[in-house]
Amino acid sequence: MKTGRLSDQFVAFFCLLGGWWLVASFVASPLLPAPLEVFEALSKEFHEQRLIESLLVTLQRVVISFVFAMLLGGIIGVLMGRFRLVNRILDPLLIILLNIPALVIIILLYIWFGLVEVAAVAAVIINKLPNVAVTLREGGRMFDHELEEMSVMYGFSFQQKLWHLWWPQLFPYIMIATRSGLALIWKIVLVVELLGRSDGVGFQLHLAFQSFDVATILAYSLAFISVVQLIEWFILQPLDRRASRWQKGGSNV
């Protein structure tokens, strides 16, 4: 099934590539370069050592923002799902954060703290944190009370409850937050870099935009999409299959 899914994705990719080539050939405009032109731009950026350096800088910001957003948002969300008082107090703040545009938060933090790395990363974390909290709140609400009573009956320690009781039940919700988180965070990181950093993929897109270099814009976009797709194939999908096995076979309690 894994091989079949991978082959389906490759077929879809080549169909998209073929459609892109046909449209670009019909339009014949520098505003829509053909795939070959984009790959040439990609090769140029790679050989001039801008591509890898920019990808690594952006990935570092993505990883740091993702880890902090998942940890803080996860803790807040589970507490809101488990305790009604916490949910009543934090829910209005959560709604406000969910509805503030990401661009507003980015601009405000840059104005308040300057064009520094801390402000850039904090803006991404603040934008992603409420989404994680909302998802994990539902996970906290879905805890199995019978399993909770059983753990008390058998005298489970906190560590045993964490790994054998709470973690398996939260894992599907963590995977949902992870997938949506990666899709959202890397987009926000690019905006943060475009507005106030002097390195990273977002900064390179800004330079390409100033010269209307569409091929380079698409080249960097394809490069980062490829990195995210590799994370999906080799990290997220194996973790997802592990969660599915647990759901079918029961917990390890």
C-alpha atoms as a PDB file:
ATOM      1  CA  MET A   1       0.000   0.000   0.000  1.00  0.00           C
ATOM      2  CA  LYS A   2       2.889   2.324   0.768  1.00  0.00           C
ATOM      3  CA  THR A   3       4.406   1.712  -2.683  1.00  0.00           C
ATOM      4  CA  GLY A   4       1.015   2.220  -4.348  1.00  0.00           C
ATOM      5  CA  ARG A   5       0.465   5.506  -2.530  1.00  0.00           C
ATOM      6  CA  LEU A   6       3.942   6.723  -3.493  1.00  0.00           C
ATOM      7  CA  SER A   7       3.429   5.785  -7.151  1.00  0.00           C
ATOM      8  CA  ASP A   8       0.078   7.610  -7.163  1.00  0.00           C
ATOM      9  CA  GLN A   9       1.795  10.744  -5.876  1.00  0.00           C
ATOM     10  CA  PHE A  10       4.460  10.528  -8.574  1.00  0.00           C
ATOM     11  CA  VAL A  11       1.775  10.112 -11.243  1.00  0.00           C
ATOM     12  CA  ALA A  12      -0.032  13.179  -9.904  1.00  0.00           C
ATOM     13  CA  PHE A  13       3.243  15.122  -9.876  1.00  0.00           C
ATOM     14  CA  PHE A  14       4.060  14.300 -13.491  1.00  0.00           C
ATOM     15  CA  CYS A  15       0.503  15.109 -14.571  1.00  0.00           C
ATOM     16  CA  LEU A  16       0.838  18.489 -12.868  1.00  0.00           C
ATOM     17  CA  LEU A  17       4.228  18.991 -14.511  1.00  0.00           C
ATOM     18  CA  GLY A  18       2.781  18.147 -17.931  1.00  0.00           C
ATOM     19  CA  GLY A  19      -0.148  20.507 -17.447  1.00  0.00           C
ATOM     20  CA  TRP A  20       2.212  23.261 -16.326  1.00  0.00           C
ATOM     21  CA  TRP A  21       4.402  22.760 -19.422  1.00  0.00           C
ATOM     22  CA  LEU A  22       1.384  22.888 -21.753  1.00  0.00           C
ATOM     23  CA  VAL A  23      -0.011  26.086 -20.218  1.00  0.00           C
ATOM     24  CA  ALA A  24       3.420  27.751 -20.162  1.00  0.00           C
ATOM     25  CA  SER A  25       3.982  26.823 -23.835  1.00  0.00           C
ATOM     26  CA  PHE A  26       0.580  28.231 -24.796  1.00  0.00           C
ATOM     27  CA  VAL A  27       0.993  31.481 -22.822  1.00  0.00           C
ATOM     28  CA  ALA A  28       4.662  31.969 -23.820  1.00  0.00           C
ATOM     29  CA  SER A  29       5.246  34.693 -21.222  1.00  0.00           C
ATOM     30  CA  PRO A  30       8.127  35.332 -18.767  1.00  0.00           C
ATOM     31  CA  LEU A  31       5.442  35.687 -16.097  1.00  0.00           C
ATOM     32  CA  LEU A  32       4.808  31.934 -16.409  1.00  0.00           C
ATOM     33  CA  PRO A  33       8.146  30.200 -17.088  1.00  0.00           C
ATOM     34  CA  ALA A  34       8.236  26.608 -18.298  1.00  0.00           C
ATOM     35  CA  PRO A  35       9.374  23.855 -15.899  1.00  0.00           C
ATOM     36  CA  LEU A  36      12.804  23.696 -17.575  1.00  0.00           C
ATOM     37  CA  GLU A  37      13.426  27.393 -16.881  1.00  0.00           C
ATOM     38  CA  VAL A  38      12.479  26.911 -13.239  1.00  0.00           C
ATOM     39  CA  PHE A  39      14.813  23.934 -12.879  1.00  0.00           C
ATOM     40  CA  GLU A  40      17.600  25.981 -14.477  1.00  0.00           C
ATOM     41  CA  ALA A  41      16.989  28.739 -11.918  1.00  0.00           C
ATOM     42  CA  LEU A  42      17.006  26.104  -9.173  1.00  0.00           C
ATOM     43  CA  SER A  43      20.342  24.764 -10.419  1.00  0.00           C
ATOM     44  CA  LYS A  44      21.787  28.282 -10.560  1.00  0.00           C
ATOM     45  CA  GLU A  45      20.767  29.066  -6.975  1.00  0.00           C
ATOM     46  CA  PHE A  46      22.204  25.730  -5.837  1.00  0.00           C
ATOM     47  CA  HIS A  47      25.588  26.204  -7.526  1.00  0.00           C
ATOM     48  CA  GLU A  48      25.867  29.756  -6.215  1.00  0.00           C
ATOM     49  CA  GLN A  49      25.272  28.285  -2.709  1.00  0.00           C
ATOM     50  CA  ARG A  50      22.239  30.411  -1.935  1.00  0.00           C
ATOM     51  CA  LEU A  51      19.648  27.639  -2.100  1.00  0.00           C
ATOM     52  CA  ILE A  52      20.938  25.273   0.607  1.00  0.00           C
ATOM     53  CA  GLU A  53      21.938  28.118   2.921  1.00  0.00           C
ATOM     54  CA  SER A  54      18.525  29.756   2.643  1.00  0.00           C
ATOM     55  CA  LEU A  55      16.686  26.457   3.103  1.00  0.00           C
ATOM     56  CA  LEU A  56      18.668  25.630   6.252  1.00  0.00           C
ATOM     57  CA  VAL A  57      18.018  29.058   7.777  1.00  0.00           C
ATOM     58  CA  THR A  58      14.286  28.832   7.081  1.00  0.00           C
ATOM     59  CA  LEU A  59      14.086  25.230   8.299  1.00  0.00           C
ATOM     60  CA  GLN A  60      15.777  26.229  11.550  1.00  0.00           C
ATOM     61  CA  ARG A  61      13.113  28.876  12.144  1.00  0.00           C
ATOM     62  CA  VAL A  62      10.373  26.416  11.204  1.00  0.00           C
ATOM     63  CA  VAL A  63      11.666  23.750  13.617  1.00  0.00           C
ATOM     64  CA  ILE A  64      12.116  26.150  16.557  1.00  0.00           C
ATOM     65  CA  SER A  65       8.693  27.735  16.038  1.00  0.00           C
ATOM     66  CA  PHE A  66       7.037  24.343  15.544  1.00  0.00           C
ATOM     67  CA  VAL A  67       8.501  22.804  18.714  1.00  0.00           C
ATOM     68  CA  PHE A  68       7.542  25.720  20.953  1.00  0.00           C
ATOM     69  CA  ALA A  69       4.071  26.089  19.410  1.00  0.00           C
ATOM     70  CA  MET A  70       3.357  22.361  19.812  1.00  0.00           C
ATOM     71  CA  LEU A  71       4.621  22.228  23.401  1.00  0.00           C
ATOM     72  CA  LEU A  72       2.892  25.377  24.667  1.00  0.00           C
ATOM     73  CA  GLY A  73      -0.254  24.922  22.594  1.00  0.00           C
ATOM     74  CA  GLY A  74      -0.464  21.239  23.503  1.00  0.00           C
ATOM     75  CA  ILE A  75      -0.223  21.873  27.239  1.00  0.00           C
ATOM     76  CA  ILE A  76      -2.756  24.706  27.098  1.00  0.00           C
ATOM     77  CA  GLY A  77      -5.137  22.691  24.915  1.00  0.00           C
ATOM     78  CA  VAL A  78      -5.080  19.566  27.095  1.00  0.00           C
ATOM     79  CA  LEU A  79      -5.628  21.645  30.243  1.00  0.00           C
ATOM     80  CA  MET A  80      -8.574  23.380  28.572  1.00  0.00           C
ATOM     81  CA  GLY A  81     -10.022  20.035  27.537  1.00  0.00           C
ATOM     82  CA  ARG A  82      -9.659  18.515  30.994  1.00  0.00           C
ATOM     83  CA  PHE A  83     -10.660  21.435  33.245  1.00  0.00           C
ATOM     84  CA  ARG A  84     -13.766  23.530  32.576  1.00  0.00           C
ATOM     85  CA  LEU A  85     -12.524  26.495  34.614  1.00  0.00           C
ATOM     86  CA  VAL A  86      -9.322  26.718  32.551  1.00  0.00           C
ATOM     87  CA  ASN A  87     -11.388  26.472  29.366  1.00  0.00           C
ATOM     88  CA  ARG A  88     -13.737  29.281  30.460  1.00  0.00           C
ATOM     89  CA  ILE A  89     -10.820  31.572  31.315  1.00  0.00           C
ATOM     90  CA  LEU A  90      -8.682  30.927  28.223  1.00  0.00           C
ATOM     91  CA  ASP A  91     -11.345  30.402  25.552  1.00  0.00           C
ATOM     92  CA  PRO A  92     -11.950  34.156  24.898  1.00  0.00           C
ATOM     93  CA  LEU A  93      -8.201  34.727  24.515  1.00  0.00           C
ATOM     94  CA  LEU A  94      -7.988  31.748  22.168  1.00  0.00           C
ATOM     95  CA  ILE A  95     -10.771  33.144  19.976  1.00  0.00           C
ATOM     96  CA  ILE A  96      -9.035  36.531  19.808  1.00  0.00           C
ATOM     97  CA  LEU A  97      -5.710  34.972  18.774  1.00  0.00           C
ATOM     98  CA  LEU A  98      -7.420  32.802  16.164  1.00  0.00           C
ATOM     99  CA  ASN A  99      -8.969  35.848  14.510  1.00  0.00           C
ATOM    100  CA  ILE A 100      -6.029  38.260  14.564  1.00  0.00           C
ATOM    101  CA  PRO A 101      -4.387  38.217  11.110  1.00  0.00           C
ATOM    102  CA  ALA A 102      -0.878  36.763  11.095  1.00  0.00           C
ATOM    103  CA  LEU A 103       0.412  39.858   9.317  1.00  0.00           C
ATOM    104  CA  VAL A 104      -0.788  42.107  12.156  1.00  0.00           C
ATOM    105  CA  ILE A 105       1.049  40.057  14.784  1.00  0.00           C
ATOM    106  CA  ILE A 106       4.236  40.028  12.713  1.00  0.00           C
ATOM    107  CA  ILE A 107       4.181  43.796  12.161  1.00  0.00           C
ATOM    108  CA  LEU A 108       3.409  44.569  15.811  1.00  0.00           C
ATOM    109  CA  LEU A 109       6.242  42.407  17.139  1.00  0.00           C
ATOM    110  CA  TYR A 110       8.688  43.938  14.677  1.00  0.00           C
ATOM    111  CA  ILE A 111       7.602  47.433  15.785  1.00  0.00           C
ATOM    112  CA  TRP A 112       7.746  46.603  19.503  1.00  0.00           C
ATOM    113  CA  PHE A 113      10.978  44.563  19.568  1.00  0.00           C
ATOM    114  CA  GLY A 114      12.734  45.516  16.331  1.00  0.00           C
ATOM    115  CA  LEU A 115      13.769  43.419  13.340  1.00  0.00           C
ATOM    116  CA  VAL A 116      15.405  40.739  15.498  1.00  0.00           C
ATOM    117  CA  GLU A 117      15.323  36.947  15.411  1.00  0.00           C
ATOM    118  CA  VAL A 118      13.363  36.630  18.663  1.00  0.00           C
ATOM    119  CA  ALA A 119      10.541  38.791  17.305  1.00  0.00           C
ATOM    120  CA  ALA A 120      10.454  36.773  14.079  1.00  0.00           C
ATOM    121  CA  VAL A 121      10.218  33.398  15.816  1.00  0.00           C
ATOM    122  CA  ALA A 122       7.789  34.668  18.466  1.00  0.00           C
ATOM    123  CA  ALA A 123       5.443  35.939  15.746  1.00  0.00           C
ATOM    124  CA  VAL A 124       5.304  32.472  14.192  1.00  0.00           C
ATOM    125  CA  ILE A 125       4.728  30.768  17.556  1.00  0.00           C
ATOM    126  CA  ILE A 126       1.905  33.133  18.519  1.00  0.00           C
ATOM    127  CA  ASN A 127       0.205  32.572  15.174  1.00  0.00           C
ATOM    128  CA  LYS A 128       0.355  28.768  15.414  1.00  0.00           C
ATOM    129  CA  LEU A 129      -0.220  28.248  19.153  1.00  0.00           C
ATOM    130  CA  PRO A 130      -4.033  28.775  19.180  1.00  0.00           C
ATOM    131  CA  ASN A 131      -4.538  26.229  16.368  1.00  0.00           C
ATOM    132  CA  VAL A 132      -2.621  23.598  18.338  1.00  0.00           C
ATOM    133  CA  ALA A 133      -4.550  24.439  21.512  1.00  0.00           C
ATOM    134  CA  VAL A 134      -7.926  24.073  19.770  1.00  0.00           C
ATOM    135  CA  THR A 135      -6.994  20.661  18.343  1.00  0.00           C
ATOM    136  CA  LEU A 136      -5.493  19.279  21.554  1.00  0.00           C
ATOM    137  CA  ARG A 137      -8.437  20.608  23.565  1.00  0.00           C
ATOM    138  CA  GLU A 138     -10.647  18.178  21.671  1.00  0.00           C
ATOM    139  CA  GLY A 139      -8.173  15.415  22.443  1.00  0.00           C
ATOM    140  CA  GLY A 140      -8.313  16.267  26.147  1.00  0.00           C
ATOM    141  CA  ARG A 141     -12.098  16.121  26.077  1.00  0.00           C
ATOM    142  CA  MET A 142     -12.050  12.645  24.504  1.00  0.00           C
ATOM    143  CA  PHE A 143     -10.055  10.935  27.266  1.00  0.00           C
ATOM    144  CA  ASP A 144     -11.507   7.541  28.187  1.00  0.00           C
ATOM    145  CA  HIS A 145     -12.765   7.808  31.787  1.00  0.00           C
ATOM    146  CA  GLU A 146     -12.837   4.021  32.212  1.00  0.00           C
ATOM    147  CA  LEU A 147      -9.129   3.807  31.405  1.00  0.00           C
ATOM    148  CA  GLU A 148      -8.535   6.652  33.843  1.00  0.00           C
ATOM    149  CA  GLU A 149     -10.349   4.748  36.595  1.00  0.00           C
ATOM    150  CA  MET A 150      -8.412   1.592  35.768  1.00  0.00           C
ATOM    151  CA  SER A 151      -5.098   3.440  36.060  1.00  0.00           C
ATOM    152  CA  VAL A 152      -6.110   4.669  39.523  1.00  0.00           C
ATOM    153  CA  MET A 153      -7.173   1.171  40.533  1.00  0.00           C
ATOM    154  CA  TYR A 154      -3.815  -0.304  39.524  1.00  0.00           C
ATOM    155  CA  GLY A 155      -1.834   2.558  41.011  1.00  0.00           C
ATOM    156  CA  PHE A 156      -0.229   3.887  37.823  1.00  0.00           C
ATOM    157  CA  SER A 157       2.536   6.409  38.351  1.00  0.00           C
ATOM    158  CA  PHE A 158       2.440   9.765  36.539  1.00  0.00           C
ATOM    159  CA  GLN A 159       4.995   8.491  34.030  1.00  0.00           C
ATOM    160  CA  GLN A 160       2.958   5.340  33.334  1.00  0.00           C
ATOM    161  CA  LYS A 161      -0.196   7.406  32.828  1.00  0.00           C
ATOM    162  CA  LEU A 162       1.663   9.758  30.518  1.00  0.00           C
ATOM    163  CA  TRP A 163       3.136   7.112  28.179  1.00  0.00           C
ATOM    164  CA  HIS A 164       0.566   4.300  28.374  1.00  0.00           C
ATOM    165  CA  LEU A 165      -2.699   6.186  28.906  1.00  0.00           C
ATOM    166  CA  TRP A 166      -2.657   9.827  27.833  1.00  0.00           C
ATOM    167  CA  TRP A 167      -0.114   9.782  24.989  1.00  0.00           C
ATOM    168  CA  PRO A 168      -1.841   7.048  22.890  1.00  0.00           C
ATOM    169  CA  GLN A 169      -5.191   8.822  23.196  1.00  0.00           C
ATOM    170  CA  LEU A 170      -3.726  12.211  22.270  1.00  0.00           C
ATOM    171  CA  PHE A 171      -1.521  10.927  19.455  1.00  0.00           C
ATOM    172  CA  PRO A 172      -4.113  11.187  16.628  1.00  0.00           C
ATOM    173  CA  TYR A 173      -4.841  14.781  17.624  1.00  0.00           C
ATOM    174  CA  ILE A 174      -1.123  15.536  17.838  1.00  0.00           C
ATOM    175  CA  MET A 175      -0.726  14.237  14.285  1.00  0.00           C
ATOM    176  CA  ILE A 176      -3.556  16.492  13.077  1.00  0.00           C
ATOM    177  CA  ALA A 177      -1.930  19.490  14.782  1.00  0.00           C
ATOM    178  CA  THR A 178       1.463  18.507  13.368  1.00  0.00           C
ATOM    179  CA  ARG A 179       0.297  18.291   9.762  1.00  0.00           C
ATOM    180  CA  SER A 180      -1.695  21.504   9.872  1.00  0.00           C
ATOM    181  CA  GLY A 181       1.130  23.104  11.852  1.00  0.00           C
ATOM    182  CA  LEU A 182       3.815  22.435   9.276  1.00  0.00           C
ATOM    183  CA  ALA A 183       1.557  23.673   6.483  1.00  0.00           C
ATOM    184  CA  LEU A 184       0.868  26.905   8.371  1.00  0.00           C
ATOM    185  CA  ILE A 185       4.216  27.569  10.035  1.00  0.00           C
ATOM    186  CA  TRP A 186       6.429  27.492   6.973  1.00  0.00           C
ATOM    187  CA  LYS A 187       4.103  29.933   5.197  1.00  0.00           C
ATOM    188  CA  ILE A 188       4.216  32.342   8.141  1.00  0.00           C
ATOM    189  CA  VAL A 189       8.000  31.978   8.399  1.00  0.00           C
ATOM    190  CA  LEU A 190       8.331  33.051   4.765  1.00  0.00           C
ATOM    191  CA  VAL A 191       6.230  36.174   5.448  1.00  0.00           C
ATOM    192  CA  VAL A 192       8.321  36.937   8.544  1.00  0.00           C
ATOM    193  CA  GLU A 193      11.531  36.622   6.515  1.00  0.00           C
ATOM    194  CA  LEU A 194      10.156  38.691   3.654  1.00  0.00           C
ATOM    195  CA  LEU A 195       9.168  41.552   5.959  1.00  0.00           C
ATOM    196  CA  GLY A 196      12.079  41.749   8.357  1.00  0.00           C
ATOM    197  CA  ARG A 197      14.970  39.309   7.911  1.00  0.00           C
ATOM    198  CA  SER A 198      18.045  39.424   5.707  1.00  0.00           C
ATOM    199  CA  ASP A 199      18.317  35.684   5.111  1.00  0.00           C
ATOM    200  CA  GLY A 200      16.176  32.619   4.468  1.00  0.00           C
ATOM    201  CA  VAL A 201      13.860  31.592   1.653  1.00  0.00           C
ATOM    202  CA  GLY A 202      11.483  34.486   2.312  1.00  0.00           C
ATOM    203  CA  PHE A 203      14.306  36.994   1.849  1.00  0.00           C
ATOM    204  CA  GLN A 204      15.320  35.353  -1.447  1.00  0.00           C
ATOM    205  CA  LEU A 205      11.696  35.538  -2.613  1.00  0.00           C
ATOM    206  CA  HIS A 206      11.704  39.224  -1.745  1.00  0.00           C
ATOM    207  CA  LEU A 207      14.803  39.805  -3.894  1.00  0.00           C
ATOM    208  CA  ALA A 208      13.294  37.821  -6.772  1.00  0.00           C
ATOM    209  CA  PHE A 209      10.052  39.790  -6.499  1.00  0.00           C
ATOM    210  CA  GLN A 210      11.898  43.096  -6.823  1.00  0.00           C
ATOM    211  CA  SER A 211      13.282  41.991 -10.196  1.00  0.00           C
ATOM    212  CA  PHE A 212      10.085  40.157 -11.253  1.00  0.00           C
ATOM    213  CA  ASP A 213      12.114  36.928 -11.476  1.00  0.00           C
ATOM    214  CA  VAL A 214       9.208  34.451 -11.503  1.00  0.00           C
ATOM    215  CA  ALA A 215      11.463  31.480 -12.307  1.00  0.00           C
ATOM    216  CA  THR A 216      13.496  32.004  -9.127  1.00  0.00           C
ATOM    217  CA  ILE A 217      10.333  32.501  -7.066  1.00  0.00           C
ATOM    218  CA  LEU A 218       8.971  29.185  -8.323  1.00  0.00           C
ATOM    219  CA  ALA A 219      12.364  27.511  -7.878  1.00  0.00           C
ATOM    220  CA  TYR A 220      12.534  28.371  -4.161  1.00  0.00           C
ATOM    221  CA  SER A 221       8.887  27.430  -3.723  1.00  0.00           C
ATOM    222  CA  LEU A 222       9.447  24.009  -5.288  1.00  0.00           C
ATOM    223  CA  ALA A 223      12.575  23.448  -3.217  1.00  0.00           C
ATOM    224  CA  PHE A 224      10.804  24.112   0.073  1.00  0.00           C
ATOM    225  CA  ILE A 225       7.698  22.159  -0.931  1.00  0.00           C
ATOM    226  CA  SER A 226      10.002  19.224  -1.696  1.00  0.00           C
ATOM    227  CA  VAL A 227      11.551  19.429   1.772  1.00  0.00           C
ATOM    228  CA  VAL A 228       8.119  19.479   3.421  1.00  0.00           C
ATOM    229  CA  GLN A 229       7.037  16.522   1.270  1.00  0.00           C
ATOM    230  CA  LEU A 230      10.099  14.525   2.380  1.00  0.00           C
ATOM    231  CA  ILE A 231       9.162  15.247   6.010  1.00  0.00           C
ATOM    232  CA  GLU A 232       5.663  13.943   5.238  1.00  0.00           C
ATOM    233  CA  TRP A 233       6.950  10.738   3.596  1.00  0.00           C
ATOM    234  CA  PHE A 234       9.720   9.787   6.010  1.00  0.00           C
ATOM    235  CA  ILE A 235       8.497  11.151   9.364  1.00  0.00           C
ATOM    236  CA  LEU A 236       4.781  11.909   9.488  1.00  0.00           C
ATOM    237  CA  GLN A 237       3.410   8.967   7.493  1.00  0.00           C
ATOM    238  CA  PRO A 238       5.405   6.344   9.493  1.00  0.00           C
ATOM    239  CA  LEU A 239       4.178   7.954  12.713  1.00  0.00           C
ATOM    240  CA  ASP A 240       0.630   7.950  11.353  1.00  0.00           C
ATOM    241  CA  ARG A 241       0.834   4.231  10.554  1.00  0.00           C
ATOM    242  CA  ARG A 242       2.083   3.573  14.075  1.00  0.00           C
ATOM    243  CA  ALA A 243      -0.921   5.406  15.503  1.00  0.00           C
ATOM    244  CA  SER A 244      -3.245   3.378  13.268  1.00  0.00           C
ATOM    245  CA  ARG A 245      -1.713   0.119  14.543  1.00  0.00           C
ATOM    246  CA  TRP A 246      -2.342   1.229  18.116  1.00  0.00           C
ATOM    247  CA  GLN A 247      -5.974   2.077  17.350  1.00  0.00           C
ATOM    248  CA  LYS A 248      -6.538  -1.351  15.754  1.00  0.00           C
ATOM    249  CA  GLY A 249      -4.670  -3.388  18.299  1.00  0.00           C
ATOM    250  CA  GLY A 250      -5.533  -1.480  21.433  1.00  0.00           C
ATOM    251  CA  SER A 251      -3.283   0.267  23.910  1.00  0.00           C
ATOM    252  CA  ASN A 252      -0.174  -1.172  25.543  1.00  0.00           C
ATOM    253  CA  VAL A 253      -1.579  -0.754  29.007  1.00  0.00           C
END
